[in-house]
Amino acid sequence: MQMRIQSLKNLEWYTVTQAGQLLNISPSTVRRAINEGKLQAFRDGKIFRVSKEHLNDYIARGCKGELN
């Protein structure tokens, strides 16, 4: 369990708003993608967090561009 927590801390995380800005889509579209299972996210209390890795996976499956 400790290793899992440490690996999560090493990832770069974005809020729904930040992910939307990076993808040039609205936060509601990001939330919809999460709810439909198209974009993986972690729920931190009331806030969804999306990792850079999952954003790149989402982009690879249908959106343009890549996050550096």
PDB file of N, CA and C in Angstrom:
ATOM      1  N   MET A   1       0.818  -1.190   0.000  1.00  0.00           N
ATOM      2  CA  MET A   1       0.000   0.000   0.000  1.00  0.00           C
ATOM      3  C   MET A   1       0.868   1.263   0.000  1.00  0.00           C
ATOM      4  N   GLN A   2       1.919   1.263   0.805  1.00  0.00           N
ATOM      5  CA  GLN A   2       2.806   2.427   0.871  1.00  0.00           C
ATOM      6  C   GLN A   2       3.429   2.707  -0.491  1.00  0.00           C
ATOM      7  N   MET A   3       3.810   1.655  -1.225  1.00  0.00           N
ATOM      8  CA  MET A   3       4.399   1.840  -2.545  1.00  0.00           C
ATOM      9  C   MET A   3       3.388   2.471  -3.505  1.00  0.00           C
ATOM     10  N   ARG A   4       2.135   2.065  -3.429  1.00  0.00           N
ATOM     11  CA  ARG A   4       1.079   2.626  -4.276  1.00  0.00           C
ATOM     12  C   ARG A   4       0.908   4.114  -3.996  1.00  0.00           C
ATOM     13  N   ILE A   5       0.890   4.488  -2.719  1.00  0.00           N
ATOM     14  CA  ILE A   5       0.750   5.894  -2.349  1.00  0.00           C
ATOM     15  C   ILE A   5       1.939   6.689  -2.861  1.00  0.00           C
ATOM     16  N   GLN A   6       3.136   6.157  -2.720  1.00  0.00           N
ATOM     17  CA  GLN A   6       4.335   6.853  -3.194  1.00  0.00           C
ATOM     18  C   GLN A   6       4.293   7.034  -4.707  1.00  0.00           C
ATOM     19  N   SER A   7       3.840   6.031  -5.444  1.00  0.00           N
ATOM     20  CA  SER A   7       3.787   6.158  -6.901  1.00  0.00           C
ATOM     21  C   SER A   7       2.749   7.208  -7.320  1.00  0.00           C
ATOM     22  N   LEU A   8       1.661   7.338  -6.571  1.00  0.00           N
ATOM     23  CA  LEU A   8       0.671   8.368  -6.871  1.00  0.00           C
ATOM     24  C   LEU A   8       1.236   9.763  -6.626  1.00  0.00           C
ATOM     25  N   LYS A   9       2.068   9.911  -5.612  1.00  0.00           N
ATOM     26  CA  LYS A   9       2.655  11.208  -5.298  1.00  0.00           C
ATOM     27  C   LYS A   9       3.629  11.657  -6.377  1.00  0.00           C
ATOM     28  N   ASN A  10       4.230  10.722  -7.095  1.00  0.00           N
ATOM     29  CA  ASN A  10       5.215  11.050  -8.121  1.00  0.00           C
ATOM     30  C   ASN A  10       4.579  11.496  -9.435  1.00  0.00           C
ATOM     31  N   LEU A  11       3.286  11.286  -9.600  1.00  0.00           N
ATOM     32  CA  LEU A  11       2.605  11.689 -10.829  1.00  0.00           C
ATOM     33  C   LEU A  11       2.250  13.172 -10.782  1.00  0.00           C
ATOM     34  N   GLU A  12       2.156  13.772 -11.944  1.00  0.00           N
ATOM     35  CA  GLU A  12       1.703  15.149 -12.050  1.00  0.00           C
ATOM     36  C   GLU A  12       0.178  15.123 -12.191  1.00  0.00           C
ATOM     37  N   TRP A  13      -0.519  15.846 -11.316  1.00  0.00           N
ATOM     38  CA  TRP A  13      -1.980  15.819 -11.272  1.00  0.00           C
ATOM     39  C   TRP A  13      -2.566  17.162 -11.655  1.00  0.00           C
ATOM     40  N   TYR A  14      -3.737  17.120 -12.308  1.00  0.00           N
ATOM     41  CA  TYR A  14      -4.452  18.320 -12.724  1.00  0.00           C
ATOM     42  C   TYR A  14      -5.884  18.266 -12.224  1.00  0.00           C
ATOM     43  N   THR A  15      -6.451  19.429 -11.942  1.00  0.00           N
ATOM     44  CA  THR A  15      -7.882  19.504 -11.645  1.00  0.00           C
ATOM     45  C   THR A  15      -8.648  19.388 -12.966  1.00  0.00           C
ATOM     46  N   VAL A  16      -9.950  19.256 -12.863  1.00  0.00           N
ATOM     47  CA  VAL A  16     -10.793  19.192 -14.060  1.00  0.00           C
ATOM     48  C   VAL A  16     -10.650  20.482 -14.879  1.00  0.00           C
ATOM     49  N   THR A  17     -10.609  21.609 -14.194  1.00  0.00           N
ATOM     50  CA  THR A  17     -10.454  22.895 -14.889  1.00  0.00           C
ATOM     51  C   THR A  17      -9.117  22.971 -15.608  1.00  0.00           C
ATOM     52  N   GLN A  18      -8.042  22.574 -14.931  1.00  0.00           N
ATOM     53  CA  GLN A  18      -6.716  22.599 -15.552  1.00  0.00           C
ATOM     54  C   GLN A  18      -6.648  21.643 -16.736  1.00  0.00           C
ATOM     55  N   ALA A  19      -7.224  20.445 -16.583  1.00  0.00           N
ATOM     56  CA  ALA A  19      -7.232  19.476 -17.680  1.00  0.00           C
ATOM     57  C   ALA A  19      -7.991  20.041 -18.877  1.00  0.00           C
ATOM     58  N   GLY A  20      -9.112  20.697 -18.618  1.00  0.00           N
ATOM     59  CA  GLY A  20      -9.874  21.308 -19.692  1.00  0.00           C
ATOM     60  C   GLY A  20      -9.086  22.385 -20.418  1.00  0.00           C
ATOM     61  N   GLN A  21      -8.357  23.188 -19.662  1.00  0.00           N
ATOM     62  CA  GLN A  21      -7.532  24.232 -20.276  1.00  0.00           C
ATOM     63  C   GLN A  21      -6.442  23.620 -21.146  1.00  0.00           C
ATOM     64  N   LEU A  22      -5.815  22.567 -20.656  1.00  0.00           N
ATOM     65  CA  LEU A  22      -4.753  21.904 -21.422  1.00  0.00           C
ATOM     66  C   LEU A  22      -5.292  21.252 -22.694  1.00  0.00           C
ATOM     67  N   LEU A  23      -6.509  20.714 -22.615  1.00  0.00           N
ATOM     68  CA  LEU A  23      -7.108  20.036 -23.757  1.00  0.00           C
ATOM     69  C   LEU A  23      -7.934  20.972 -24.640  1.00  0.00           C
ATOM     70  N   ASN A  24      -8.094  22.207 -24.179  1.00  0.00           N
ATOM     71  CA  ASN A  24      -8.903  23.202 -24.892  1.00  0.00           C
ATOM     72  C   ASN A  24     -10.364  22.761 -25.005  1.00  0.00           C
ATOM     73  N   ILE A  25     -10.881  22.214 -23.892  1.00  0.00           N
ATOM     74  CA  ILE A  25     -12.284  21.823 -23.798  1.00  0.00           C
ATOM     75  C   ILE A  25     -12.817  22.342 -22.455  1.00  0.00           C
ATOM     76  N   SER A  26     -14.110  22.349 -22.287  1.00  0.00           N
ATOM     77  CA  SER A  26     -14.703  22.866 -21.052  1.00  0.00           C
ATOM     78  C   SER A  26     -14.549  21.856 -19.911  1.00  0.00           C
ATOM     79  N   PRO A  27     -14.564  22.350 -18.669  1.00  0.00           N
ATOM     80  CA  PRO A  27     -14.513  21.440 -17.522  1.00  0.00           C
ATOM     81  C   PRO A  27     -15.667  20.432 -17.528  1.00  0.00           C
ATOM     82  N   SER A  28     -16.847  20.838 -18.000  1.00  0.00           N
ATOM     83  CA  SER A  28     -17.976  19.897 -18.046  1.00  0.00           C
ATOM     84  C   SER A  28     -17.716  18.769 -19.039  1.00  0.00           C
ATOM     85  N   THR A  29     -17.005  19.054 -20.118  1.00  0.00           N
ATOM     86  CA  THR A  29     -16.645  18.006 -21.077  1.00  0.00           C
ATOM     87  C   THR A  29     -15.637  17.047 -20.451  1.00  0.00           C
ATOM     88  N   VAL A  30     -14.726  17.575 -19.653  1.00  0.00           N
ATOM     89  CA  VAL A  30     -13.762  16.714 -18.941  1.00  0.00           C
ATOM     90  C   VAL A  30     -14.519  15.819 -17.965  1.00  0.00           C
ATOM     91  N   ARG A  31     -15.442  16.405 -17.199  1.00  0.00           N
ATOM     92  CA  ARG A  31     -16.233  15.607 -16.247  1.00  0.00           C
ATOM     93  C   ARG A  31     -17.047  14.531 -16.961  1.00  0.00           C
ATOM     94  N   ARG A  32     -17.611  14.873 -18.098  1.00  0.00           N
ATOM     95  CA  ARG A  32     -18.383  13.901 -18.877  1.00  0.00           C
ATOM     96  C   ARG A  32     -17.491  12.745 -19.316  1.00  0.00           C
ATOM     97  N   ALA A  33     -16.288  13.059 -19.791  1.00  0.00           N
ATOM     98  CA  ALA A  33     -15.345  12.014 -20.217  1.00  0.00           C
ATOM     99  C   ALA A  33     -14.986  11.113 -19.039  1.00  0.00           C
ATOM    100  N   ILE A  34     -14.829  11.700 -17.853  1.00  0.00           N
ATOM    101  CA  ILE A  34     -14.538  10.904 -16.652  1.00  0.00           C
ATOM    102  C   ILE A  34     -15.723  10.007 -16.324  1.00  0.00           C
ATOM    103  N   ASN A  35     -16.919  10.583 -16.295  1.00  0.00           N
ATOM    104  CA  ASN A  35     -18.129   9.809 -15.957  1.00  0.00           C
ATOM    105  C   ASN A  35     -18.422   8.706 -16.964  1.00  0.00           C
ATOM    106  N   GLU A  36     -18.055   8.920 -18.220  1.00  0.00           N
ATOM    107  CA  GLU A  36     -18.280   7.907 -19.260  1.00  0.00           C
ATOM    108  C   GLU A  36     -17.150   6.883 -19.314  1.00  0.00           C
ATOM    109  N   GLY A  37     -16.133   7.053 -18.492  1.00  0.00           N
ATOM    110  CA  GLY A  37     -15.020   6.113 -18.460  1.00  0.00           C
ATOM    111  C   GLY A  37     -14.001   6.322 -19.565  1.00  0.00           C
ATOM    112  N   LYS A  38     -14.085   7.435 -20.272  1.00  0.00           N
ATOM    113  CA  LYS A  38     -13.147   7.718 -21.362  1.00  0.00           C
ATOM    114  C   LYS A  38     -11.847   8.328 -20.851  1.00  0.00           C
ATOM    115  N   LEU A  39     -11.897   8.943 -19.675  1.00  0.00           N
ATOM    116  CA  LEU A  39     -10.733   9.580 -19.073  1.00  0.00           C
ATOM    117  C   LEU A  39     -10.646   9.115 -17.624  1.00  0.00           C
ATOM    118  N   GLN A  40      -9.538   8.515 -17.262  1.00  0.00           N
ATOM    119  CA  GLN A  40      -9.359   8.030 -15.898  1.00  0.00           C
ATOM    120  C   GLN A  40      -9.021   9.195 -14.978  1.00  0.00           C
ATOM    121  N   ALA A  41      -9.571   9.158 -13.770  1.00  0.00           N
ATOM    122  CA  ALA A  41      -9.326  10.208 -12.793  1.00  0.00           C
ATOM    123  C   ALA A  41      -9.372   9.617 -11.390  1.00  0.00           C
ATOM    124  N   PHE A  42      -8.828  10.360 -10.459  1.00  0.00           N
ATOM    125  CA  PHE A  42      -8.813   9.999  -9.053  1.00  0.00           C
ATOM    126  C   PHE A  42      -9.640  11.038  -8.311  1.00  0.00           C
ATOM    127  N   ARG A  43     -10.505  10.588  -7.445  1.00  0.00           N
ATOM    128  CA  ARG A  43     -11.335  11.531  -6.694  1.00  0.00           C
ATOM    129  C   ARG A  43     -10.646  11.851  -5.372  1.00  0.00           C
ATOM    130  N   ASP A  44     -10.384  13.131  -5.154  1.00  0.00           N
ATOM    131  CA  ASP A  44      -9.737  13.626  -3.941  1.00  0.00           C
ATOM    132  C   ASP A  44     -10.775  14.447  -3.189  1.00  0.00           C
ATOM    133  N   GLY A  45     -11.573  13.784  -2.354  1.00  0.00           N
ATOM    134  CA  GLY A  45     -12.694  14.458  -1.704  1.00  0.00           C
ATOM    135  C   GLY A  45     -13.762  14.755  -2.731  1.00  0.00           C
ATOM    136  N   LYS A  46     -14.046  16.039  -2.940  1.00  0.00           N
ATOM    137  CA  LYS A  46     -15.049  16.444  -3.926  1.00  0.00           C
ATOM    138  C   LYS A  46     -14.426  16.790  -5.267  1.00  0.00           C
ATOM    139  N   ILE A  47     -13.113  16.764  -5.337  1.00  0.00           N
ATOM    140  CA  ILE A  47     -12.402  17.208  -6.534  1.00  0.00           C
ATOM    141  C   ILE A  47     -11.815  16.013  -7.280  1.00  0.00           C
ATOM    142  N   PHE A  48     -12.018  15.992  -8.593  1.00  0.00           N
ATOM    143  CA  PHE A  48     -11.372  14.994  -9.435  1.00  0.00           C
ATOM    144  C   PHE A  48      -9.966  15.469  -9.756  1.00  0.00           C
ATOM    145  N   ARG A  49      -9.027  14.540  -9.782  1.00  0.00           N
ATOM    146  CA  ARG A  49      -7.654  14.805 -10.206  1.00  0.00           C
ATOM    147  C   ARG A  49      -7.354  13.862 -11.364  1.00  0.00           C
ATOM    148  N   VAL A  50      -6.745  14.423 -12.397  1.00  0.00           N
ATOM    149  CA  VAL A  50      -6.399  13.654 -13.590  1.00  0.00           C
ATOM    150  C   VAL A  50      -4.889  13.708 -13.749  1.00  0.00           C
ATOM    151  N   SER A  51      -4.267  12.561 -13.940  1.00  0.00           N
ATOM    152  CA  SER A  51      -2.806  12.540 -14.089  1.00  0.00           C
ATOM    153  C   SER A  51      -2.407  12.912 -15.515  1.00  0.00           C
ATOM    154  N   LYS A  52      -1.200  13.412 -15.639  1.00  0.00           N
ATOM    155  CA  LYS A  52      -0.650  13.749 -16.949  1.00  0.00           C
ATOM    156  C   LYS A  52      -0.636  12.510 -17.843  1.00  0.00           C
ATOM    157  N   GLU A  53      -0.305  11.381 -17.262  1.00  0.00           N
ATOM    158  CA  GLU A  53      -0.272  10.114 -18.012  1.00  0.00           C
ATOM    159  C   GLU A  53      -1.650   9.781 -18.584  1.00  0.00           C
ATOM    160  N   HIS A  54      -2.709   9.940 -17.781  1.00  0.00           N
ATOM    161  CA  HIS A  54      -4.056   9.638 -18.262  1.00  0.00           C
ATOM    162  C   HIS A  54      -4.527  10.656 -19.291  1.00  0.00           C
ATOM    163  N   LEU A  55      -4.107  11.911 -19.142  1.00  0.00           N
ATOM    164  CA  LEU A  55      -4.444  12.908 -20.168  1.00  0.00           C
ATOM    165  C   LEU A  55      -3.798  12.539 -21.498  1.00  0.00           C
ATOM    166  N   ASN A  56      -2.542  12.121 -21.464  1.00  0.00           N
ATOM    167  CA  ASN A  56      -1.868  11.719 -22.701  1.00  0.00           C
ATOM    168  C   ASN A  56      -2.523  10.497 -23.327  1.00  0.00           C
ATOM    169  N   ASP A  57      -2.980   9.548 -22.495  1.00  0.00           N
ATOM    170  CA  ASP A  57      -3.709   8.387 -23.013  1.00  0.00           C
ATOM    171  C   ASP A  57      -5.004   8.831 -23.705  1.00  0.00           C
ATOM    172  N   TYR A  58      -5.703   9.769 -23.082  1.00  0.00           N
ATOM    173  CA  TYR A  58      -6.947  10.293 -23.644  1.00  0.00           C
ATOM    174  C   TYR A  58      -6.685  10.976 -24.981  1.00  0.00           C
ATOM    175  N   ILE A  59      -5.627  11.763 -25.032  1.00  0.00           N
ATOM    176  CA  ILE A  59      -5.249  12.442 -26.272  1.00  0.00           C
ATOM    177  C   ILE A  59      -4.925  11.430 -27.361  1.00  0.00           C
ATOM    178  N   ALA A  60      -4.184  10.395 -27.007  1.00  0.00           N
ATOM    179  CA  ALA A  60      -3.784   9.364 -27.968  1.00  0.00           C
ATOM    180  C   ALA A  60      -4.988   8.639 -28.565  1.00  0.00           C
ATOM    181  N   ARG A  61      -6.087   8.579 -27.804  1.00  0.00           N
ATOM    182  CA  ARG A  61      -7.270   7.886 -28.298  1.00  0.00           C
ATOM    183  C   ARG A  61      -8.227   8.766 -29.070  1.00  0.00           C
ATOM    184  N   GLY A  62      -7.965  10.074 -29.181  1.00  0.00           N
ATOM    185  CA  GLY A  62      -8.930  10.844 -29.940  1.00  0.00           C
ATOM    186  C   GLY A  62      -8.723  12.335 -29.999  1.00  0.00           C
ATOM    187  N   CYS A  63      -7.981  12.897 -29.090  1.00  0.00           N
ATOM    188  CA  CYS A  63      -7.728  14.334 -29.117  1.00  0.00           C
ATOM    189  C   CYS A  63      -6.372  14.587 -29.741  1.00  0.00           C
ATOM    190  N   LYS A  64      -6.123  15.826 -30.142  1.00  0.00           N
ATOM    191  CA  LYS A  64      -4.844  16.177 -30.764  1.00  0.00           C
ATOM    192  C   LYS A  64      -3.900  16.760 -29.740  1.00  0.00           C
ATOM    193  N   GLY A  65      -2.609  16.652 -30.015  1.00  0.00           N
ATOM    194  CA  GLY A  65      -1.595  17.252 -29.158  1.00  0.00           C
ATOM    195  C   GLY A  65      -1.116  16.301 -28.080  1.00  0.00           C
ATOM    196  N   GLU A  66      -0.065  16.694 -27.413  1.00  0.00           N
ATOM    197  CA  GLU A  66       0.489  15.912 -26.302  1.00  0.00           C
ATOM    198  C   GLU A  66       1.014  16.859 -25.271  1.00  0.00           C
ATOM    199  N   LEU A  67       0.866  16.491 -24.014  1.00  0.00           N
ATOM    200  CA  LEU A  67       1.360  17.327 -22.922  1.00  0.00           C
ATOM    201  C   LEU A  67       2.820  17.017 -22.664  1.00  0.00           C
ATOM    202  N   ASN A  68       3.626  18.033 -22.515  1.00  0.00           N
ATOM    203  CA  ASN A  68       5.058  17.830 -22.227  1.00  0.00           C
ATOM    204  C   ASN A  68       5.315  17.863 -20.755  1.00  0.00           C
TER     205      ASN A  68
END
